Amino acid sequence: MILKKKIKNFYKKIIIYFFYFIYTKPKFVKKNKDLDIFKLYINKKKYNIFKLRDGRVYTNKNDTTAYISRNNLIAEPSLQFKKFDNINSYNQKIINNLTLQNGTPNFKKKFKGSVLSLLSGGASRDNFTHWFTDVLPRIALFEKKFNKIKVDKYYVPSIKHKFQLESLKLLGIDKKKIISSEKYKHIQAEILYATSHPCHYLPTKVEEWSLNYLRKKFKKKLINNTKKKNNIFIDRDQLKLIKNTNLKKYASYRILLNEDKIKKYLSSLGFLILKPENYSLEDQIKLFSNASCVIGLYGAAMMMITFCKKNTNILEIMPSKAGEEFRNISKKLKMNHHQIKIKPIYHSSTPQNGLLFCNVSKIKKNLVKFGFKNI
């Protein structure tokens, strides 16, 4: 194992040195004359749109993204994340960007015309919530400043998940205009645009303008003729991932241990047991926009409450130390959000995870508060 690691590191160094001879390592100076910065204010908060002519961008698809001007200087929108616990990261000062040490060890692909980069760090490659809070709102920022400028290509973290392509399509972006960092880690464009982070590196505090952008853009594309209101339980269907014979082994999972019992109870009340991956994004938006009550375990799928109407009842079941991002969404969109906070049966090294047992009586108590009768 140690030998394998040493061989891997040796190979990595060879690759880095090889690319030193192809692309000179970028440098950092405080003032880059080859970078245009356009200021934008939304609700008194400042955002920037960045423009590089013949600029390039390199990413390791995770914690490092470097925007490099044609005079080979690393530019302000670059990202250099560092974890401060098992799951959360902060963006360091640009001087800590790894390309200043290792260069850009990947062949460059050139694109004609203009490219808007939506890169937002590793989490946005896979995580449903981060895609909607960190990636797509960058388009809104660009459009607020340059609504008449045509973008030829969009550089995105990934398109390997169905929801990524579906959401871009709903925004009117053709697949032919999409460049994925999964395929091209290092690109150059005649004109390269980038933006500030939509919620200033705090996805848990996603901004109201960002949520309203998603609601307006997506919901106006969909025609929902259904008059019947839905009551929804978001089905994570993860009990199959664990074995009851050794629960402690799965302490860092996030699972409702009595989910089957909860689903049976809610089904008896007429709730739709919704497993999101079984529906298109379009159908999910239709269902949530017509919901009167949504119940779910803290997690990415709860992002769909963004499309619920004002005053929708939301019940979030969550580990006691999980974040408040979904309550924040509800507050901004004026929904009726209740939480059931539960201490995991085993300690989890990841604060927002844990094996949970939620008494059905707690759910019933909240349903009564929501106005449910005869339950």
Protein backbone atom coordinates (compact mmCIF):
# COMPACT_ATOMS: atom_id res chain seq x y z
CA MET A 1 0.00 0.00 0.00
CA ILE A 2 2.82 2.41 0.92
CA LEU A 3 4.75 1.42 -2.22
CA LYS A 4 1.66 2.01 -4.36
CA LYS A 5 1.25 5.48 -2.85
CA LYS A 6 4.90 6.34 -3.50
CA ILE A 7 4.63 5.23 -7.13
CA LYS A 8 1.47 7.32 -7.56
CA ASN A 9 3.16 10.44 -6.10
CA PHE A 10 6.24 9.88 -8.27
CA TYR A 11 4.10 9.61 -11.38
CA LYS A 12 2.23 12.77 -10.39
CA LYS A 13 5.52 14.69 -10.08
CA ILE A 14 6.64 13.52 -13.53
CA ILE A 15 3.36 14.79 -15.03
CA ILE A 16 3.76 18.15 -13.27
CA TYR A 17 7.34 18.61 -14.52
CA PHE A 18 6.33 17.56 -18.03
CA PHE A 19 3.69 20.30 -18.21
CA TYR A 20 6.14 22.89 -16.84
CA PHE A 21 7.75 22.82 -20.29
CA ILE A 22 4.42 23.25 -22.12
CA TYR A 23 2.66 25.87 -19.99
CA THR A 24 4.62 28.24 -17.78
CA LYS A 25 3.46 28.32 -14.18
CA PRO A 26 1.16 31.29 -13.55
CA LYS A 27 2.23 34.09 -11.25
CA PHE A 28 0.31 36.26 -8.83
CA VAL A 29 0.28 40.06 -8.58
CA LYS A 30 -2.26 42.17 -6.71
CA LYS A 31 -3.23 44.25 -9.76
CA ASN A 32 -3.83 42.43 -13.01
CA LYS A 33 -4.28 44.91 -15.87
CA ASP A 34 -5.48 42.13 -18.15
CA LEU A 35 -8.57 41.43 -16.03
CA ASP A 36 -11.77 43.46 -16.42
CA ILE A 37 -14.02 43.59 -13.36
CA PHE A 38 -17.65 44.74 -13.51
CA LYS A 39 -19.42 45.45 -10.23
CA LEU A 40 -22.99 44.46 -9.53
CA TYR A 41 -25.14 45.11 -6.45
CA ILE A 42 -28.15 43.02 -5.43
CA ASN A 43 -29.91 43.98 -2.20
CA LYS A 44 -26.84 46.02 -1.22
CA LYS A 45 -24.49 43.05 -1.59
CA LYS A 46 -21.64 43.33 -4.06
CA TYR A 47 -20.91 40.80 -6.79
CA ASN A 48 -18.35 40.88 -9.60
CA ILE A 49 -18.36 39.73 -13.20
CA PHE A 50 -14.88 39.01 -14.52
CA LYS A 51 -13.74 39.15 -18.13
CA LEU A 52 -10.51 37.75 -19.57
CA ARG A 53 -9.50 38.05 -23.21
CA ASP A 54 -7.68 34.91 -24.41
CA GLY A 55 -7.90 33.74 -20.81
CA ARG A 56 -7.74 30.16 -19.66
CA VAL A 57 -9.09 28.19 -16.74
CA TYR A 58 -7.68 25.06 -15.15
CA THR A 59 -9.42 22.89 -12.57
CA ASN A 60 -8.57 19.71 -10.73
CA LYS A 61 -12.36 19.17 -10.57
CA ASN A 62 -12.32 19.47 -6.81
CA ASP A 63 -10.75 22.16 -4.62
CA THR A 64 -8.68 24.11 -7.15
CA THR A 65 -9.81 26.29 -10.04
CA ALA A 66 -7.44 28.84 -11.56
CA TYR A 67 -8.41 31.63 -13.95
CA ILE A 68 -5.30 32.77 -15.81
CA SER A 69 -5.00 35.87 -17.97
CA ARG A 70 -3.12 36.01 -21.26
CA ASN A 71 -0.16 37.62 -19.47
CA ASN A 72 -0.01 34.44 -17.35
CA LEU A 73 -1.24 35.98 -14.12
CA ILE A 74 -3.68 34.14 -11.89
CA ALA A 75 -6.91 36.12 -11.62
CA GLU A 76 -9.32 36.97 -8.81
CA PRO A 77 -12.24 34.55 -9.43
CA SER A 78 -9.92 31.57 -8.79
CA LEU A 79 -10.93 29.03 -6.14
CA GLN A 80 -8.66 27.34 -3.64
CA PHE A 81 -10.79 25.45 -1.15
CA LYS A 82 -9.46 23.75 1.97
CA LYS A 83 -11.45 21.50 4.29
CA PHE A 84 -11.79 22.50 7.94
CA ASP A 85 -13.69 19.34 8.92
CA ASN A 86 -14.83 16.12 7.27
CA ILE A 87 -17.15 17.86 4.82
CA ASN A 88 -16.97 21.67 4.95
CA SER A 89 -14.43 23.90 3.19
CA TYR A 90 -13.45 27.54 3.05
CA ASN A 91 -11.93 29.48 0.18
CA GLN A 92 -8.33 30.44 0.93
CA LYS A 93 -6.43 33.46 -0.32
CA ILE A 94 -5.47 33.27 -3.97
CA ILE A 95 -1.78 33.00 -3.07
CA ASN A 96 -2.58 29.44 -1.90
CA ASN A 97 -3.88 28.31 -5.30
CA LEU A 98 -2.04 25.09 -6.15
CA THR A 99 -1.37 26.12 -9.77
CA LEU A 100 1.18 28.62 -8.43
CA GLN A 101 3.18 25.59 -7.27
CA ASN A 102 2.22 22.85 -9.72
CA GLY A 103 1.26 24.77 -12.83
CA THR A 104 -1.57 23.48 -15.03
CA PRO A 105 -0.81 19.77 -15.59
CA ASN A 106 -3.30 19.02 -18.32
CA PHE A 107 -3.48 19.66 -22.05
CA LYS A 108 -5.35 22.82 -22.98
CA LYS A 109 -8.42 22.85 -25.24
CA LYS A 110 -9.11 26.08 -27.13
CA PHE A 111 -12.64 27.33 -27.82
CA LYS A 112 -13.72 30.09 -30.16
CA GLY A 113 -16.03 32.86 -29.02
CA SER A 114 -17.11 33.51 -25.44
CA VAL A 115 -17.29 31.05 -22.54
CA LEU A 116 -19.09 31.65 -19.24
CA SER A 117 -17.53 29.56 -16.49
CA LEU A 118 -19.91 28.19 -13.83
CA LEU A 119 -17.26 26.20 -11.93
CA SER A 120 -17.96 26.22 -8.21
CA GLY A 121 -15.82 23.62 -6.44
CA GLY A 122 -15.99 19.84 -6.06
CA ALA A 123 -19.36 19.59 -4.31
CA SER A 124 -21.20 21.03 -7.31
CA ARG A 125 -20.10 18.11 -9.50
CA ASP A 126 -22.39 15.69 -7.69
CA ASN A 127 -24.47 17.44 -5.07
CA PHE A 128 -28.00 18.42 -6.11
CA THR A 129 -28.26 21.33 -3.66
CA HIS A 130 -24.88 22.84 -4.56
CA TRP A 131 -25.76 22.68 -8.24
CA PHE A 132 -28.79 24.90 -7.59
CA THR A 133 -27.15 27.25 -5.07
CA ASP A 134 -23.57 27.56 -6.40
CA VAL A 135 -23.72 26.87 -10.15
CA LEU A 136 -26.94 27.97 -11.86
CA PRO A 137 -27.25 31.37 -10.09
CA ARG A 138 -23.98 32.41 -11.76
CA ILE A 139 -25.98 32.60 -14.98
CA ALA A 140 -28.36 34.99 -13.23
CA LEU A 141 -25.47 37.21 -12.12
CA PHE A 142 -24.11 37.35 -15.65
CA GLU A 143 -27.53 38.11 -17.15
CA LYS A 144 -28.20 40.90 -14.64
CA LYS A 145 -25.08 42.70 -15.91
CA PHE A 146 -24.91 41.57 -19.53
CA ASN A 147 -28.42 40.55 -20.53
CA LYS A 148 -27.80 41.36 -24.21
CA ILE A 149 -24.44 39.63 -24.57
CA LYS A 150 -24.51 36.24 -26.25
CA VAL A 151 -22.61 33.39 -24.59
CA ASP A 152 -21.27 30.78 -26.99
CA LYS A 153 -20.38 28.10 -24.42
CA TYR A 154 -21.00 27.34 -20.75
CA TYR A 155 -18.22 25.65 -18.75
CA VAL A 156 -19.85 23.54 -16.04
CA PRO A 157 -18.55 21.24 -13.29
CA SER A 158 -20.25 18.15 -14.73
CA ILE A 159 -23.14 16.83 -16.80
CA LYS A 160 -22.93 13.22 -15.62
CA HIS A 161 -26.13 13.50 -13.59
CA LYS A 162 -29.53 13.68 -15.22
CA PHE A 163 -30.65 16.73 -13.22
CA GLN A 164 -27.68 18.76 -14.51
CA LEU A 165 -28.57 18.45 -18.18
CA GLU A 166 -32.30 18.73 -17.45
CA SER A 167 -31.87 21.98 -15.51
CA LEU A 168 -29.66 23.53 -18.19
CA LYS A 169 -32.19 22.55 -20.84
CA LEU A 170 -34.98 24.23 -18.84
CA LEU A 171 -32.83 27.37 -18.84
CA GLY A 172 -32.73 27.21 -22.63
CA ILE A 173 -29.11 26.03 -22.89
CA ASP A 174 -28.53 23.50 -25.64
CA LYS A 175 -26.26 20.52 -24.90
CA LYS A 176 -24.01 21.60 -27.79
CA LYS A 177 -23.17 24.77 -25.87
CA ILE A 178 -22.00 22.91 -22.75
CA ILE A 179 -18.37 22.16 -21.86
CA SER A 180 -17.90 19.77 -18.94
CA SER A 181 -14.84 19.97 -16.69
CA GLU A 182 -15.09 16.19 -16.41
CA LYS A 183 -13.92 16.09 -20.04
CA TYR A 184 -11.79 19.24 -20.27
CA LYS A 185 -9.89 20.29 -17.15
CA HIS A 186 -7.96 23.03 -18.93
CA ILE A 187 -9.55 25.36 -21.50
CA GLN A 188 -8.89 28.66 -23.22
CA ALA A 189 -11.40 31.00 -24.82
CA GLU A 190 -11.28 34.18 -26.90
CA ILE A 191 -13.40 35.75 -24.16
CA LEU A 192 -13.74 34.07 -20.77
CA TYR A 193 -16.31 35.21 -18.21
CA ALA A 194 -16.59 34.24 -14.55
CA THR A 195 -18.55 35.53 -11.56
CA SER A 196 -18.38 35.92 -7.82
CA HIS A 197 -19.79 33.08 -5.75
CA PRO A 198 -23.62 33.59 -5.72
CA CYS A 199 -23.88 33.28 -1.93
CA HIS A 200 -20.36 34.39 -0.99
CA TYR A 201 -19.12 30.84 -0.27
CA LEU A 202 -22.01 30.22 2.14
CA PRO A 203 -24.45 27.86 0.35
CA THR A 204 -26.30 27.45 3.65
CA LYS A 205 -27.26 31.12 3.28
CA VAL A 206 -28.46 31.08 -0.31
CA GLU A 207 -29.87 34.45 -1.31
CA GLU A 208 -33.54 35.20 -2.03
CA TRP A 209 -32.75 36.65 -5.49
CA SER A 210 -31.09 33.34 -6.37
CA LEU A 211 -34.12 31.28 -5.33
CA ASN A 212 -36.51 33.59 -7.18
CA TYR A 213 -34.38 33.28 -10.31
CA LEU A 214 -34.78 29.49 -10.24
CA ARG A 215 -38.51 29.73 -9.54
CA LYS A 216 -39.11 32.20 -12.34
CA LYS A 217 -36.95 30.46 -14.93
CA PHE A 218 -38.18 26.93 -14.29
CA LYS A 219 -41.81 27.34 -13.35
CA LYS A 220 -42.69 29.57 -16.30
CA LYS A 221 -41.53 26.78 -18.63
CA LEU A 222 -43.93 24.29 -17.08
CA ILE A 223 -47.69 24.10 -17.44
CA ASN A 224 -49.32 22.38 -14.49
CA ASN A 225 -53.02 21.78 -15.00
CA THR A 226 -53.37 19.63 -11.88
CA LYS A 227 -55.74 21.23 -9.39
CA LYS A 228 -55.39 18.52 -6.74
CA LYS A 229 -52.92 19.41 -3.99
CA ASN A 230 -50.14 16.95 -3.18
CA ASN A 231 -48.83 15.86 0.19
CA ILE A 232 -45.29 14.57 -0.37
CA PHE A 233 -42.88 12.40 1.58
CA ILE A 234 -39.38 12.41 0.08
CA ASP A 235 -38.24 8.79 -0.02
CA ARG A 236 -34.46 8.37 0.36
CA ASP A 237 -34.81 4.56 0.22
CA GLN A 238 -31.44 3.97 1.90
CA LEU A 239 -32.27 1.29 4.45
CA LYS A 240 -31.07 -1.25 1.90
CA LEU A 241 -27.54 0.17 2.31
CA ILE A 242 -27.10 -1.07 5.87
CA LYS A 243 -27.32 -4.30 7.85
CA ASN A 244 -29.05 -4.24 11.21
CA THR A 245 -26.53 -6.72 12.61
CA ASN A 246 -23.81 -4.04 12.85
CA LEU A 247 -25.38 -0.58 12.89
CA LYS A 248 -22.36 1.13 14.46
CA LYS A 249 -20.44 0.44 11.27
CA TYR A 250 -22.79 2.84 9.45
CA ALA A 251 -22.67 5.64 12.04
CA SER A 252 -21.67 8.25 9.44
CA TYR A 253 -24.55 7.47 7.07
CA ARG A 254 -27.70 9.61 7.19
CA ILE A 255 -30.61 7.17 7.40
CA LEU A 256 -34.05 7.00 9.00
CA LEU A 257 -34.02 3.55 10.60
CA ASN A 258 -37.82 3.36 10.77
CA GLU A 259 -38.43 4.92 7.36
CA ASP A 260 -40.61 2.01 6.25
CA LYS A 261 -42.96 2.54 9.18
CA ILE A 262 -43.10 6.27 8.49
CA LYS A 263 -43.88 5.67 4.81
CA LYS A 264 -46.64 3.23 5.71
CA TYR A 265 -48.21 5.73 8.09
CA LEU A 266 -48.03 8.65 5.64
CA SER A 267 -49.33 6.50 2.78
CA SER A 268 -52.41 5.79 4.90
CA LEU A 269 -52.98 9.56 5.01
CA GLY A 270 -52.75 9.85 1.23
CA PHE A 271 -49.18 11.12 1.01
CA LEU A 272 -47.30 10.59 -2.24
CA ILE A 273 -44.13 8.65 -1.42
CA LEU A 274 -41.80 10.32 -3.88
CA LYS A 275 -38.40 8.93 -4.80
CA PRO A 276 -36.94 11.90 -6.74
CA GLU A 277 -34.66 9.93 -9.04
CA ASN A 278 -37.70 8.13 -10.47
CA TYR A 279 -39.04 11.44 -11.84
CA SER A 280 -37.73 13.94 -14.34
CA LEU A 281 -36.73 17.31 -12.94
CA GLU A 282 -39.69 18.82 -14.78
CA ASP A 283 -42.14 16.45 -13.10
CA GLN A 284 -40.57 17.03 -9.71
CA ILE A 285 -41.01 20.79 -10.10
CA LYS A 286 -44.66 20.30 -11.05
CA LEU A 287 -45.31 18.09 -8.02
CA PHE A 288 -43.55 20.34 -5.51
CA SER A 289 -45.09 23.50 -6.90
CA ASN A 290 -48.49 21.96 -6.23
CA ALA A 291 -47.70 20.57 -2.77
CA SER A 292 -49.50 21.61 0.38
CA CYS A 293 -47.20 19.62 2.70
CA VAL A 294 -43.68 18.23 2.22
CA ILE A 295 -41.97 15.90 4.69
CA GLY A 296 -38.40 14.74 4.25
CA LEU A 297 -35.11 13.87 5.85
CA TYR A 298 -32.46 16.61 5.77
CA GLY A 299 -30.60 16.23 2.48
CA ALA A 300 -30.13 17.42 -1.08
CA ALA A 301 -33.65 16.54 -2.26
CA MET A 302 -35.08 19.07 0.19
CA MET A 303 -33.78 21.72 -2.21
CA MET A 304 -36.96 21.09 -4.20
CA ILE A 305 -38.98 23.06 -1.63
CA THR A 306 -37.64 26.05 -3.59
CA PHE A 307 -40.49 25.43 -6.03
CA CYS A 308 -43.24 25.18 -3.41
CA LYS A 309 -45.82 27.93 -3.04
CA LYS A 310 -45.93 30.47 -0.25
CA ASN A 311 -47.28 29.02 3.06
CA THR A 312 -46.55 25.40 2.07
CA ASN A 313 -46.08 23.26 5.19
CA ILE A 314 -42.56 21.82 5.39
CA LEU A 315 -41.51 19.21 7.96
CA GLU A 316 -37.79 18.48 8.05
CA ILE A 317 -36.47 15.47 9.98
CA MET A 318 -32.81 16.03 10.75
CA PRO A 319 -29.76 15.14 12.87
CA SER A 320 -29.51 17.55 15.79
CA LYS A 321 -26.31 19.15 14.47
CA ALA A 322 -27.31 19.44 10.80
CA GLY A 323 -27.35 22.80 9.04
CA GLU A 324 -30.20 25.28 8.66
CA GLU A 325 -30.04 25.76 4.86
CA PHE A 326 -33.53 24.44 4.15
CA ARG A 327 -35.13 26.43 6.96
CA ASN A 328 -33.34 29.44 5.45
CA ILE A 329 -34.96 28.72 2.06
CA SER A 330 -38.38 28.40 3.67
CA LYS A 331 -37.95 31.63 5.58
CA LYS A 332 -36.99 33.56 2.45
CA LEU A 333 -39.89 32.10 0.47
CA LYS A 334 -42.39 32.49 3.35
CA MET A 335 -43.20 28.83 3.97
CA ASN A 336 -44.31 27.20 7.21
CA HIS A 337 -41.19 25.23 8.20
CA HIS A 338 -41.04 22.88 11.18
CA GLN A 339 -38.15 20.65 12.22
CA ILE A 340 -37.79 17.42 14.15
CA LYS A 341 -34.23 17.37 15.46
CA ILE A 342 -32.96 13.96 16.56
CA LYS A 343 -29.74 12.92 18.23
CA PRO A 344 -28.19 10.05 16.21
CA ILE A 345 -28.02 6.70 17.98
CA TYR A 346 -24.24 6.66 17.39
CA HIS A 347 -21.76 9.53 17.18
CA SER A 348 -21.00 10.54 13.61
CA SER A 349 -17.76 12.28 12.60
CA THR A 350 -19.82 14.23 10.07
CA PRO A 351 -22.16 16.58 12.01
CA GLN A 352 -25.05 16.48 9.54
CA ASN A 353 -25.13 12.69 9.36
CA GLY A 354 -26.20 9.89 11.66
CA LEU A 355 -28.55 6.95 12.09
CA LEU A 356 -31.90 8.30 13.26
CA PHE A 357 -35.06 6.89 14.76
CA CYS A 358 -38.03 9.23 14.46
CA ASN A 359 -41.17 8.36 16.42
CA VAL A 360 -44.27 8.52 14.24
CA SER A 361 -45.96 10.38 17.10
CA LYS A 362 -43.62 13.34 16.50
CA ILE A 363 -44.67 13.49 12.87
CA LYS A 364 -48.33 13.24 13.86
CA LYS A 365 -47.90 16.09 16.34
CA ASN A 366 -46.55 18.37 13.60
CA LEU A 367 -49.30 17.35 11.16
CA VAL A 368 -51.85 18.45 13.73
CA LYS A 369 -50.08 21.84 13.88
CA PHE A 370 -50.35 21.99 10.09
CA GLY A 371 -54.12 21.53 10.37
CA PHE A 372 -54.46 17.84 9.49
CA LYS A 373 -57.57 16.29 11.04
CA ASN A 374 -58.71 12.77 11.91
CA ILE A 375 -55.19 11.38 12.08
